[in-house]
Structures are given as structure tokens and as C-alpha cells.
Amino acid sequence: LSNTVKILNLPTCSFHLSSICNKHNFQGPKLFLSHNKKIFPPQKPDEERRPAYVCHMKENIKYSPKKMWYIAAFVRGMSVDEAVKQLSFLHMKGAEIAKQIILEAQRLAVEEHNVEFKSNLWVAESFSTKGVVIKGLRRHAKYRRGIIHYRYCHYFVRLEEGPPPKHYYLPHPKSGEELLEDWLKNMHMRKVSNSL
């Protein structure tokens, strides 16, 4: 009887609980938000004014990182109002998440980072990274099992003060005159073999 009592009085901390084991897996990246605390040296009077910016992120979103990448790339270089408007017409779960994060960043810029007009912001950076991946099992016929992955992602956005650039991705597309000049230059530089 004494052995039975000893077995029943096991400490509860010896049991492995999945919530305790996964405690460290759900801690996402923290360094991105440290850009908000960066202090720049004072500018000279003849220097161009440095635009204000705000960084914001949401970690461990239950959404595929590959699907989130398309949404993140879609809003790069847009003004905040245009990005919110475009994401409202996108019928995807990630679009609604990205819209909420952009609106949160806009609110933070006005309240905490001394941005005067909330509409005078544009999406300078927008990207997503892979979060934690939890493996699970799916039952198949004849006692077989299949591995299922529950994927999470992190979404990062940086809003900058001022109007958006005309061409976000460099080099910008060439005009018709520039393309004609390049073509003529290539034609003049060509070498015709067995000629005078």
C-alpha cells in the first residue's frame, strides 16, 4: 500500500505538457521594433529634412508565409490610404490582417512618433517571414498516418512620412525615347563580318 501511495504522489512538474514545451517556440522576432527607438544626430540647417518613420509588426499569424508574401509585395510603395483601399478589395485572410497592421502603424505614427498628417505616409517596407511550424498527424486508412504542418508567419511593415516615390523598384522603366536611343546605339556598335 505504501508503494501505491508513493506512485500516486508524483510531482506534477515531471509531466511534459505541450503548452510548456512550446512556450519558447512562439516568441517571434523582436529586433525590428528596435528601429523605432533609434535616435539620430541633429541635422544641419542646409541638410534635407529626414522623414519620420514607424516600424510595426505582428508575429505568429496563423497563415501561410508564401501566401502572405504576395500581399506584402502588393502594397510596397503605395500610400497608406491607397494600400488600405486596395486591401479592402482583396478577398483573402492575409489582406485583412495586413490592413489592420498598416492601420495600427498609422495610428502609432500619429500618436507616438509626431507625424502631423496621418495621410502623409507611404509603405516603405512590407515583408513577411516564416514563423513556427507545428507538426501534426492526420489519420489515413489501414492504420497509416500523414504528417500535417500548421504554419505561422510574421508580418513586418515600415511607414515613412512623405509622398510615395513614382517608381518603387529600381531601375525605373524606360520611356520610348530612351529605348529608341539604346536601340540606335546597339545598331551603330554592331559589327558586320566580311564587310568593307
Foldseek 3Di string as FASTA:
>chain_A
DVVVVVVVPDDPVVDDDPCVVCVVQQDDDDVQQCVLVDDDDDDDPPDDDDWWKHKFKDWFAQDDQVVLAVLQVVQALAFLVVLLVVLVPDPDPSSVVVNVRSVVRLVCCVPPVVDDDSRQKGWHGKHKAWGDKDWDWDADPPRDIDIDIRTTMMIMTMIIGHHGDPDNDPPDDDDPVVVVVVVVVVVVPDDDPPDD
